[in-house]
PDB file of N, CA and C in Angstrom:
ATOM      1  N   MET A   1     -12.319 -18.215  13.304  1.00  0.00           N
ATOM      2  CA  MET A   1     -12.378 -17.300  12.187  1.00  0.00           C
ATOM      3  C   MET A   1     -11.064 -16.551  12.076  1.00  0.00           C
ATOM      4  N   GLU A   2     -10.690 -16.297  10.850  1.00  0.00           N
ATOM      5  CA  GLU A   2      -9.402 -15.660  10.575  1.00  0.00           C
ATOM      6  C   GLU A   2      -9.576 -14.196  10.186  1.00  0.00           C
ATOM      7  N   ILE A   3      -8.476 -13.483  10.280  1.00  0.00           N
ATOM      8  CA  ILE A   3      -8.394 -12.104   9.811  1.00  0.00           C
ATOM      9  C   ILE A   3      -7.600 -12.122   8.515  1.00  0.00           C
ATOM     10  N   ALA A   4      -8.125 -11.456   7.498  1.00  0.00           N
ATOM     11  CA  ALA A   4      -7.418 -11.309   6.225  1.00  0.00           C
ATOM     12  C   ALA A   4      -7.143  -9.825   6.004  1.00  0.00           C
ATOM     13  N   VAL A   5      -5.969  -9.514   5.495  1.00  0.00           N
ATOM     14  CA  VAL A   5      -5.580  -8.125   5.252  1.00  0.00           C
ATOM     15  C   VAL A   5      -5.218  -7.980   3.782  1.00  0.00           C
ATOM     16  N   ILE A   6      -5.794  -6.964   3.142  1.00  0.00           N
ATOM     17  CA  ILE A   6      -5.550  -6.703   1.723  1.00  0.00           C
ATOM     18  C   ILE A   6      -4.944  -5.319   1.579  1.00  0.00           C
ATOM     19  N   GLY A   7      -3.844  -5.228   0.828  1.00  0.00           N
ATOM     20  CA  GLY A   7      -3.251  -3.925   0.574  1.00  0.00           C
ATOM     21  C   GLY A   7      -1.801  -4.035   0.164  1.00  0.00           C
ATOM     22  N   SER A   8      -1.146  -2.914   0.163  1.00  0.00           N
ATOM     23  CA  SER A   8       0.264  -2.859  -0.218  1.00  0.00           C
ATOM     24  C   SER A   8       1.116  -3.547   0.844  1.00  0.00           C
ATOM     25  N   ASN A   9       2.348  -3.828   0.493  1.00  0.00           N
ATOM     26  CA  ASN A   9       3.273  -4.437   1.460  1.00  0.00           C
ATOM     27  C   ASN A   9       3.435  -3.563   2.698  1.00  0.00           C
ATOM     28  N   GLU A  10       3.476  -2.253   2.502  1.00  0.00           N
ATOM     29  CA  GLU A  10       3.639  -1.332   3.621  1.00  0.00           C
ATOM     30  C   GLU A  10       2.415  -1.376   4.540  1.00  0.00           C
ATOM     31  N   PHE A  11       1.224  -1.481   3.950  1.00  0.00           N
ATOM     32  CA  PHE A  11      -0.009  -1.516   4.733  1.00  0.00           C
ATOM     33  C   PHE A  11      -0.117  -2.806   5.545  1.00  0.00           C
ATOM     34  N   THR A  12       0.271  -3.924   4.954  1.00  0.00           N
ATOM     35  CA  THR A  12       0.093  -5.219   5.622  1.00  0.00           C
ATOM     36  C   THR A  12       1.229  -5.572   6.588  1.00  0.00           C
ATOM     37  N   LEU A  13       2.330  -4.859   6.531  1.00  0.00           N
ATOM     38  CA  LEU A  13       3.499  -5.211   7.338  1.00  0.00           C
ATOM     39  C   LEU A  13       3.193  -5.291   8.839  1.00  0.00           C
ATOM     40  N   GLY A  14       2.519  -4.306   9.383  1.00  0.00           N
ATOM     41  CA  GLY A  14       2.203  -4.301  10.810  1.00  0.00           C
ATOM     42  C   GLY A  14       1.339  -5.490  11.200  1.00  0.00           C
ATOM     43  N   PHE A  15       0.409  -5.859  10.336  1.00  0.00           N
ATOM     44  CA  PHE A  15      -0.443  -7.015  10.606  1.00  0.00           C
ATOM     45  C   PHE A  15       0.367  -8.309  10.560  1.00  0.00           C
ATOM     46  N   GLN A  16       1.311  -8.354   9.633  1.00  0.00           N
ATOM     47  CA  GLN A  16       2.183  -9.526   9.527  1.00  0.00           C
ATOM     48  C   GLN A  16       3.019  -9.663  10.802  1.00  0.00           C
ATOM     49  N   LEU A  17       3.545  -8.562  11.294  1.00  0.00           N
ATOM     50  CA  LEU A  17       4.332  -8.593  12.520  1.00  0.00           C
ATOM     51  C   LEU A  17       3.490  -8.989  13.732  1.00  0.00           C
ATOM     52  N   ALA A  18       2.184  -8.716  13.671  1.00  0.00           N
ATOM     53  CA  ALA A  18       1.279  -9.084  14.755  1.00  0.00           C
ATOM     54  C   ALA A  18       0.823 -10.537  14.657  1.00  0.00           C
ATOM     55  N   GLY A  19       1.224 -11.220  13.588  1.00  0.00           N
ATOM     56  CA  GLY A  19       0.904 -12.636  13.466  1.00  0.00           C
ATOM     57  C   GLY A  19      -0.192 -12.992  12.481  1.00  0.00           C
ATOM     58  N   VAL A  20      -0.745 -12.002  11.775  1.00  0.00           N
ATOM     59  CA  VAL A  20      -1.755 -12.295  10.759  1.00  0.00           C
ATOM     60  C   VAL A  20      -1.054 -12.948   9.565  1.00  0.00           C
ATOM     61  N   THR A  21      -1.598 -14.075   9.109  1.00  0.00           N
ATOM     62  CA  THR A  21      -0.936 -14.817   8.030  1.00  0.00           C
ATOM     63  C   THR A  21      -1.655 -14.703   6.691  1.00  0.00           C
ATOM     64  N   ARG A  22      -2.916 -14.322   6.684  1.00  0.00           N
ATOM     65  CA  ARG A  22      -3.659 -14.203   5.426  1.00  0.00           C
ATOM     66  C   ARG A  22      -3.519 -12.782   4.905  1.00  0.00           C
ATOM     67  N   LEU A  23      -2.452 -12.572   4.134  1.00  0.00           N
ATOM     68  CA  LEU A  23      -2.142 -11.263   3.574  1.00  0.00           C
ATOM     69  C   LEU A  23      -2.260 -11.328   2.063  1.00  0.00           C
ATOM     70  N   TYR A  24      -2.860 -10.311   1.478  1.00  0.00           N
ATOM     71  CA  TYR A  24      -3.044 -10.251   0.028  1.00  0.00           C
ATOM     72  C   TYR A  24      -2.499  -8.930  -0.481  1.00  0.00           C
ATOM     73  N   HIS A  25      -1.727  -9.010  -1.552  1.00  0.00           N
ATOM     74  CA  HIS A  25      -1.088  -7.829  -2.136  1.00  0.00           C
ATOM     75  C   HIS A  25      -1.464  -7.716  -3.614  1.00  0.00           C
ATOM     76  N   PRO A  26      -2.693  -7.329  -3.908  1.00  0.00           N
ATOM     77  CA  PRO A  26      -3.094  -7.211  -5.312  1.00  0.00           C
ATOM     78  C   PRO A  26      -2.346  -6.076  -6.001  1.00  0.00           C
ATOM     79  N   SER A  27      -2.015  -6.311  -7.266  1.00  0.00           N
ATOM     80  CA  SER A  27      -1.239  -5.306  -8.001  1.00  0.00           C
ATOM     81  C   SER A  27      -2.113  -4.408  -8.876  1.00  0.00           C
ATOM     82  N   SER A  28      -3.394  -4.714  -8.964  1.00  0.00           N
ATOM     83  CA  SER A  28      -4.291  -3.874  -9.766  1.00  0.00           C
ATOM     84  C   SER A  28      -5.660  -3.809  -9.097  1.00  0.00           C
ATOM     85  N   GLU A  29      -6.472  -2.882  -9.570  1.00  0.00           N
ATOM     86  CA  GLU A  29      -7.822  -2.722  -9.033  1.00  0.00           C
ATOM     87  C   GLU A  29      -8.650  -3.976  -9.300  1.00  0.00           C
ATOM     88  N   ARG A  30      -8.453  -4.575 -10.453  1.00  0.00           N
ATOM     89  CA  ARG A  30      -9.183  -5.797 -10.808  1.00  0.00           C
ATOM     90  C   ARG A  30      -8.818  -6.945  -9.856  1.00  0.00           C
ATOM     91  N   GLU A  31      -7.529  -7.094  -9.562  1.00  0.00           N
ATOM     92  CA  GLU A  31      -7.088  -8.134  -8.623  1.00  0.00           C
ATOM     93  C   GLU A  31      -7.620  -7.859  -7.217  1.00  0.00           C
ATOM     94  N   MET A  32      -7.693  -6.582  -6.835  1.00  0.00           N
ATOM     95  CA  MET A  32      -8.223  -6.199  -5.528  1.00  0.00           C
ATOM     96  C   MET A  32      -9.684  -6.640  -5.409  1.00  0.00           C
ATOM     97  N   GLU A  33     -10.492  -6.320  -6.410  1.00  0.00           N
ATOM     98  CA  GLU A  33     -11.903  -6.678  -6.373  1.00  0.00           C
ATOM     99  C   GLU A  33     -12.087  -8.192  -6.393  1.00  0.00           C
ATOM    100  N   SER A  34     -11.276  -8.885  -7.156  1.00  0.00           N
ATOM    101  CA  SER A  34     -11.357 -10.342  -7.210  1.00  0.00           C
ATOM    102  C   SER A  34     -11.018 -10.969  -5.856  1.00  0.00           C
ATOM    103  N   ALA A  35      -9.965 -10.464  -5.208  1.00  0.00           N
ATOM    104  CA  ALA A  35      -9.560 -10.984  -3.900  1.00  0.00           C
ATOM    105  C   ALA A  35     -10.652 -10.735  -2.857  1.00  0.00           C
ATOM    106  N   ILE A  36     -11.262  -9.570  -2.902  1.00  0.00           N
ATOM    107  CA  ILE A  36     -12.319  -9.251  -1.941  1.00  0.00           C
ATOM    108  C   ILE A  36     -13.529 -10.147  -2.160  1.00  0.00           C
ATOM    109  N   ARG A  37     -13.917 -10.335  -3.409  1.00  0.00           N
ATOM    110  CA  ARG A  37     -15.050 -11.228  -3.699  1.00  0.00           C
ATOM    111  C   ARG A  37     -14.787 -12.637  -3.185  1.00  0.00           C
ATOM    112  N   ASP A  38     -13.571 -13.125  -3.410  1.00  0.00           N
ATOM    113  CA  ASP A  38     -13.207 -14.462  -2.926  1.00  0.00           C
ATOM    114  C   ASP A  38     -13.278 -14.536  -1.405  1.00  0.00           C
ATOM    115  N   LEU A  39     -12.776 -13.509  -0.735  1.00  0.00           N
ATOM    116  CA  LEU A  39     -12.781 -13.505   0.728  1.00  0.00           C
ATOM    117  C   LEU A  39     -14.190 -13.374   1.300  1.00  0.00           C
ATOM    118  N   LEU A  40     -15.066 -12.649   0.619  1.00  0.00           N
ATOM    119  CA  LEU A  40     -16.445 -12.521   1.078  1.00  0.00           C
ATOM    120  C   LEU A  40     -17.164 -13.868   1.047  1.00  0.00           C
ATOM    121  N   GLU A  41     -16.719 -14.763   0.175  1.00  0.00           N
ATOM    122  CA  GLU A  41     -17.320 -16.094   0.058  1.00  0.00           C
ATOM    123  C   GLU A  41     -16.649 -17.127   0.960  1.00  0.00           C
ATOM    124  N   ASP A  42     -15.510 -16.799   1.538  1.00  0.00           N
ATOM    125  CA  ASP A  42     -14.736 -17.735   2.354  1.00  0.00           C
ATOM    126  C   ASP A  42     -15.280 -17.749   3.785  1.00  0.00           C
ATOM    127  N   SER A  43     -15.848 -18.871   4.206  1.00  0.00           N
ATOM    128  CA  SER A  43     -16.474 -18.957   5.526  1.00  0.00           C
ATOM    129  C   SER A  43     -15.465 -18.979   6.673  1.00  0.00           C
ATOM    130  N   SER A  44     -14.185 -19.174   6.371  1.00  0.00           N
ATOM    131  CA  SER A  44     -13.178 -19.183   7.437  1.00  0.00           C
ATOM    132  C   SER A  44     -12.690 -17.782   7.793  1.00  0.00           C
ATOM    133  N   VAL A  45     -13.081 -16.782   7.007  1.00  0.00           N
ATOM    134  CA  VAL A  45     -12.653 -15.396   7.245  1.00  0.00           C
ATOM    135  C   VAL A  45     -13.751 -14.649   7.988  1.00  0.00           C
ATOM    136  N   GLY A  46     -13.403 -14.044   9.130  1.00  0.00           N
ATOM    137  CA  GLY A  46     -14.357 -13.284   9.919  1.00  0.00           C
ATOM    138  C   GLY A  46     -14.204 -11.787   9.759  1.00  0.00           C
ATOM    139  N   ILE A  47     -12.972 -11.345   9.487  1.00  0.00           N
ATOM    140  CA  ILE A  47     -12.688  -9.915   9.337  1.00  0.00           C
ATOM    141  C   ILE A  47     -11.755  -9.713   8.155  1.00  0.00           C
ATOM    142  N   ILE A  48     -12.093  -8.748   7.322  1.00  0.00           N
ATOM    143  CA  ILE A  48     -11.228  -8.336   6.216  1.00  0.00           C
ATOM    144  C   ILE A  48     -10.816  -6.898   6.506  1.00  0.00           C
ATOM    145  N   VAL A  49      -9.518  -6.645   6.543  1.00  0.00           N
ATOM    146  CA  VAL A  49      -9.003  -5.301   6.821  1.00  0.00           C
ATOM    147  C   VAL A  49      -8.365  -4.757   5.547  1.00  0.00           C
ATOM    148  N   MET A  50      -8.695  -3.517   5.242  1.00  0.00           N
ATOM    149  CA  MET A  50      -8.081  -2.874   4.074  1.00  0.00           C
ATOM    150  C   MET A  50      -7.994  -1.372   4.302  1.00  0.00           C
ATOM    151  N   ASP A  51      -7.206  -0.718   3.485  1.00  0.00           N
ATOM    152  CA  ASP A  51      -7.025   0.727   3.572  1.00  0.00           C
ATOM    153  C   ASP A  51      -8.280   1.421   3.060  1.00  0.00           C
ATOM    154  N   ASN A  52      -8.696   2.492   3.741  1.00  0.00           N
ATOM    155  CA  ASN A  52      -9.860   3.267   3.297  1.00  0.00           C
ATOM    156  C   ASN A  52      -9.718   3.754   1.858  1.00  0.00           C
ATOM    157  N   ALA A  53      -8.520   4.138   1.463  1.00  0.00           N
ATOM    158  CA  ALA A  53      -8.297   4.632   0.104  1.00  0.00           C
ATOM    159  C   ALA A  53      -8.586   3.537  -0.913  1.00  0.00           C
ATOM    160  N   ASP A  54      -8.179   2.292  -0.607  1.00  0.00           N
ATOM    161  CA  ASP A  54      -8.471   1.169  -1.502  1.00  0.00           C
ATOM    162  C   ASP A  54      -9.962   0.870  -1.513  1.00  0.00           C
ATOM    163  N   LEU A  55     -10.588   0.957  -0.368  1.00  0.00           N
ATOM    164  CA  LEU A  55     -12.025   0.708  -0.262  1.00  0.00           C
ATOM    165  C   LEU A  55     -12.812   1.704  -1.110  1.00  0.00           C
ATOM    166  N   ALA A  56     -12.381   2.942  -1.115  1.00  0.00           N
ATOM    167  CA  ALA A  56     -13.065   3.978  -1.888  1.00  0.00           C
ATOM    168  C   ALA A  56     -12.929   3.765  -3.388  1.00  0.00           C
ATOM    169  N   GLN A  57     -11.897   3.047  -3.822  1.00  0.00           N
ATOM    170  CA  GLN A  57     -11.661   2.809  -5.247  1.00  0.00           C
ATOM    171  C   GLN A  57     -12.491   1.659  -5.809  1.00  0.00           C
ATOM    172  N   LEU A  58     -13.149   0.890  -4.951  1.00  0.00           N
ATOM    173  CA  LEU A  58     -13.920  -0.258  -5.407  1.00  0.00           C
ATOM    174  C   LEU A  58     -15.190   0.187  -6.119  1.00  0.00           C
ATOM    175  N   SER A  59     -15.734  -0.708  -6.923  1.00  0.00           N
ATOM    176  CA  SER A  59     -16.970  -0.393  -7.627  1.00  0.00           C
ATOM    177  C   SER A  59     -18.102  -0.187  -6.629  1.00  0.00           C
ATOM    178  N   GLU A  60     -19.082   0.590  -7.020  1.00  0.00           N
ATOM    179  CA  GLU A  60     -20.224   0.886  -6.149  1.00  0.00           C
ATOM    180  C   GLU A  60     -20.943  -0.401  -5.747  1.00  0.00           C
ATOM    181  N   ARG A  61     -21.088  -1.291  -6.674  1.00  0.00           N
ATOM    182  CA  ARG A  61     -21.778  -2.558  -6.400  1.00  0.00           C
ATOM    183  C   ARG A  61     -21.062  -3.378  -5.322  1.00  0.00           C
ATOM    184  N   LEU A  62     -19.735  -3.448  -5.417  1.00  0.00           N
ATOM    185  CA  LEU A  62     -18.970  -4.207  -4.435  1.00  0.00           C
ATOM    186  C   LEU A  62     -18.988  -3.508  -3.082  1.00  0.00           C
ATOM    187  N   ARG A  63     -18.930  -2.183  -3.065  1.00  0.00           N
ATOM    188  CA  ARG A  63     -19.020  -1.449  -1.789  1.00  0.00           C
ATOM    189  C   ARG A  63     -20.369  -1.683  -1.116  1.00  0.00           C
ATOM    190  N   GLU A  64     -21.441  -1.763  -1.906  1.00  0.00           N
ATOM    191  CA  GLU A  64     -22.762  -2.058  -1.338  1.00  0.00           C
ATOM    192  C   GLU A  64     -22.784  -3.460  -0.733  1.00  0.00           C
ATOM    193  N   ARG A  65     -22.182  -4.404  -1.437  1.00  0.00           N
ATOM    194  CA  ARG A  65     -22.120  -5.778  -0.925  1.00  0.00           C
ATOM    195  C   ARG A  65     -21.328  -5.826   0.387  1.00  0.00           C
ATOM    196  N   ILE A  66     -20.238  -5.081   0.434  1.00  0.00           N
ATOM    197  CA  ILE A  66     -19.414  -5.018   1.647  1.00  0.00           C
ATOM    198  C   ILE A  66     -20.218  -4.410   2.791  1.00  0.00           C
ATOM    199  N   ALA A  67     -20.954  -3.348   2.517  1.00  0.00           N
ATOM    200  CA  ALA A  67     -21.738  -2.670   3.554  1.00  0.00           C
ATOM    201  C   ALA A  67     -22.820  -3.589   4.116  1.00  0.00           C
ATOM    202  N   GLU A  68     -23.343  -4.479   3.305  1.00  0.00           N
ATOM    203  CA  GLU A  68     -24.397  -5.398   3.747  1.00  0.00           C
ATOM    204  C   GLU A  68     -23.840  -6.643   4.417  1.00  0.00           C
ATOM    205  N   SER A  69     -22.548  -6.895   4.289  1.00  0.00           N
ATOM    206  CA  SER A  69     -21.936  -8.104   4.831  1.00  0.00           C
ATOM    207  C   SER A  69     -21.770  -8.002   6.343  1.00  0.00           C
ATOM    208  N   ILE A  70     -22.283  -8.999   7.045  1.00  0.00           N
ATOM    209  CA  ILE A  70     -22.087  -9.072   8.487  1.00  0.00           C
ATOM    210  C   ILE A  70     -20.858  -9.925   8.767  1.00  0.00           C
ATOM    211  N   THR A  71     -20.793 -11.096   8.136  1.00  0.00           N
ATOM    212  CA  THR A  71     -19.638 -11.980   8.270  1.00  0.00           C
ATOM    213  C   THR A  71     -19.208 -12.383   6.875  1.00  0.00           C
ATOM    214  N   PRO A  72     -18.034 -12.046   6.457  1.00  0.00           N
ATOM    215  CA  PRO A  72     -17.024 -11.306   7.202  1.00  0.00           C
ATOM    216  C   PRO A  72     -17.340  -9.813   7.248  1.00  0.00           C
ATOM    217  N   THR A  73     -16.829  -9.192   8.276  1.00  0.00           N
ATOM    218  CA  THR A  73     -16.928  -7.743   8.420  1.00  0.00           C
ATOM    219  C   THR A  73     -15.714  -7.131   7.753  1.00  0.00           C
ATOM    220  N   VAL A  74     -15.950  -6.121   6.925  1.00  0.00           N
ATOM    221  CA  VAL A  74     -14.852  -5.444   6.234  1.00  0.00           C
ATOM    222  C   VAL A  74     -14.568  -4.138   6.955  1.00  0.00           C
ATOM    223  N   LEU A  75     -13.330  -3.994   7.412  1.00  0.00           N
ATOM    224  CA  LEU A  75     -12.916  -2.790   8.124  1.00  0.00           C
ATOM    225  C   LEU A  75     -11.969  -1.984   7.264  1.00  0.00           C
ATOM    226  N   GLY A  76     -12.342  -0.758   6.998  1.00  0.00           N
ATOM    227  CA  GLY A  76     -11.455   0.160   6.296  1.00  0.00           C
ATOM    228  C   GLY A  76     -10.738   1.007   7.324  1.00  0.00           C
ATOM    229  N   ILE A  77      -9.433   0.993   7.292  1.00  0.00           N
ATOM    230  CA  ILE A  77      -8.678   1.814   8.238  1.00  0.00           C
ATOM    231  C   ILE A  77      -7.726   2.716   7.467  1.00  0.00           C
ATOM    232  N   GLY A  78      -7.320   3.779   8.092  1.00  0.00           N
ATOM    233  CA  GLY A  78      -6.406   4.717   7.454  1.00  0.00           C
ATOM    234  C   GLY A  78      -6.773   6.133   7.832  1.00  0.00           C
ATOM    235  N   THR A  79      -6.257   7.074   7.077  1.00  0.00           N
ATOM    236  CA  THR A  79      -6.466   8.477   7.401  1.00  0.00           C
ATOM    237  C   THR A  79      -7.745   9.034   6.784  1.00  0.00           C
ATOM    238  N   GLN A  80      -8.294   8.362   5.790  1.00  0.00           N
ATOM    239  CA  GLN A  80      -9.491   8.845   5.116  1.00  0.00           C
ATOM    240  C   GLN A  80     -10.734   8.485   5.937  1.00  0.00           C
ATOM    241  N   GLU A  81     -11.668   9.411   6.072  1.00  0.00           N
ATOM    242  CA  GLU A  81     -12.908   9.190   6.834  1.00  0.00           C
ATOM    243  C   GLU A  81     -13.744   8.109   6.160  1.00  0.00           C
ATOM    244  N   ASP A  82     -14.263   7.182   6.972  1.00  0.00           N
ATOM    245  CA  ASP A  82     -15.117   6.114   6.445  1.00  0.00           C
ATOM    246  C   ASP A  82     -16.132   5.725   7.505  1.00  0.00           C
ATOM    247  N   ASN A  83     -17.354   5.522   7.090  1.00  0.00           N
ATOM    248  CA  ASN A  83     -18.421   5.149   8.011  1.00  0.00           C
ATOM    249  C   ASN A  83     -18.798   3.680   7.903  1.00  0.00           C
ATOM    250  N   THR A  84     -18.004   2.870   7.198  1.00  0.00           N
ATOM    251  CA  THR A  84     -18.334   1.466   7.007  1.00  0.00           C
ATOM    252  C   THR A  84     -18.439   0.739   8.343  1.00  0.00           C
ATOM    253  N   LEU A  85     -17.459   0.909   9.215  1.00  0.00           N
ATOM    254  CA  LEU A  85     -17.490   0.239  10.513  1.00  0.00           C
ATOM    255  C   LEU A  85     -18.688   0.709  11.325  1.00  0.00           C
ATOM    256  N   ARG A  86     -18.917   2.003  11.332  1.00  0.00           N
ATOM    257  CA  ARG A  86     -20.042   2.555  12.085  1.00  0.00           C
ATOM    258  C   ARG A  86     -21.354   1.954  11.592  1.00  0.00           C
ATOM    259  N   GLU A  87     -21.539   1.903  10.291  1.00  0.00           N
ATOM    260  CA  GLU A  87     -22.771   1.363   9.732  1.00  0.00           C
ATOM    261  C   GLU A  87     -22.892  -0.138   9.980  1.00  0.00           C
ATOM    262  N   SER A  88     -21.784  -0.870   9.946  1.00  0.00           N
ATOM    263  CA  SER A  88     -21.804  -2.304  10.214  1.00  0.00           C
ATOM    264  C   SER A  88     -22.236  -2.582  11.651  1.00  0.00           C
ATOM    265  N   ILE A  89     -21.698  -1.815  12.594  1.00  0.00           N
ATOM    266  CA  ILE A  89     -22.068  -1.984  13.999  1.00  0.00           C
ATOM    267  C   ILE A  89     -23.527  -1.602  14.207  1.00  0.00           C
ATOM    268  N   LYS A  90     -23.935  -0.527  13.583  1.00  0.00           N
ATOM    269  CA  LYS A  90     -25.317  -0.074  13.706  1.00  0.00           C
ATOM    270  C   LYS A  90     -26.274  -1.122  13.148  1.00  0.00           C
ATOM    271  N   SER A  91     -25.908  -1.724  12.027  1.00  0.00           N
ATOM    272  CA  SER A  91     -26.736  -2.757  11.417  1.00  0.00           C
ATOM    273  C   SER A  91     -26.803  -4.011  12.283  1.00  0.00           C
ATOM    274  N   ALA A  92     -25.659  -4.415  12.837  1.00  0.00           N
ATOM    275  CA  ALA A  92     -25.605  -5.644  13.634  1.00  0.00           C
ATOM    276  C   ALA A  92     -26.287  -5.481  14.990  1.00  0.00           C
ATOM    277  N   LEU A  93     -26.094  -4.328  15.630  1.00  0.00           N
ATOM    278  CA  LEU A  93     -26.620  -4.133  16.988  1.00  0.00           C
ATOM    279  C   LEU A  93     -27.932  -3.365  17.027  1.00  0.00           C
ATOM    280  N   GLY A  94     -28.198  -2.624  15.980  1.00  0.00           N
ATOM    281  CA  GLY A  94     -29.389  -1.792  15.969  1.00  0.00           C
ATOM    282  C   GLY A  94     -29.228  -0.508  16.773  1.00  0.00           C
ATOM    283  N   VAL A  95     -27.994  -0.183  17.131  1.00  0.00           N
ATOM    284  CA  VAL A  95     -27.703   0.999  17.946  1.00  0.00           C
ATOM    285  C   VAL A  95     -26.493   1.717  17.349  1.00  0.00           C
ATOM    286  N   ASP A  96     -26.562   3.041  17.303  1.00  0.00           N
ATOM    287  CA  ASP A  96     -25.437   3.834  16.841  1.00  0.00           C
ATOM    288  C   ASP A  96     -24.559   4.156  18.044  1.00  0.00           C
ATOM    289  N   LEU A  97     -23.408   3.473  18.165  1.00  0.00           N
ATOM    290  CA  LEU A  97     -22.528   3.632  19.321  1.00  0.00           C
ATOM    291  C   LEU A  97     -21.790   4.961  19.351  1.00  0.00           C
ATOM    292  N   TRP A  98     -21.813   5.717  18.250  1.00  0.00           N
ATOM    293  CA  TRP A  98     -21.117   6.997  18.194  1.00  0.00           C
ATOM    294  C   TRP A  98     -21.965   8.131  18.749  1.00  0.00           C
ATOM    295  N   LYS A  99     -23.210   7.864  19.102  1.00  0.00           N
ATOM    296  CA  LYS A  99     -24.090   8.913  19.641  1.00  0.00           C
ATOM    297  C   LYS A  99     -24.190   8.810  21.120  1.00  0.00           C
TER     298      LYS A  99
END
């Protein structure tokens, strides 16, 4: 399974230096949502990484789909607080690891 990273060039640079090759740089919100939908359907992708700020800009329907997705798992990282990872782990394991 592969890791895919979606975001600006600055956001994906560190992942590129670490050897991640599936990088996506959408230029609009519409392209972002389209890329995420495509990746959610791609069975070769196990993890999708994106900035929390970009994740918050997605439509409610797509965020719900992301929250329900086990594989691939969508990880929002950045400075903005997000409970997506926590809820994904809780859903998969049935245990809240933060308690």
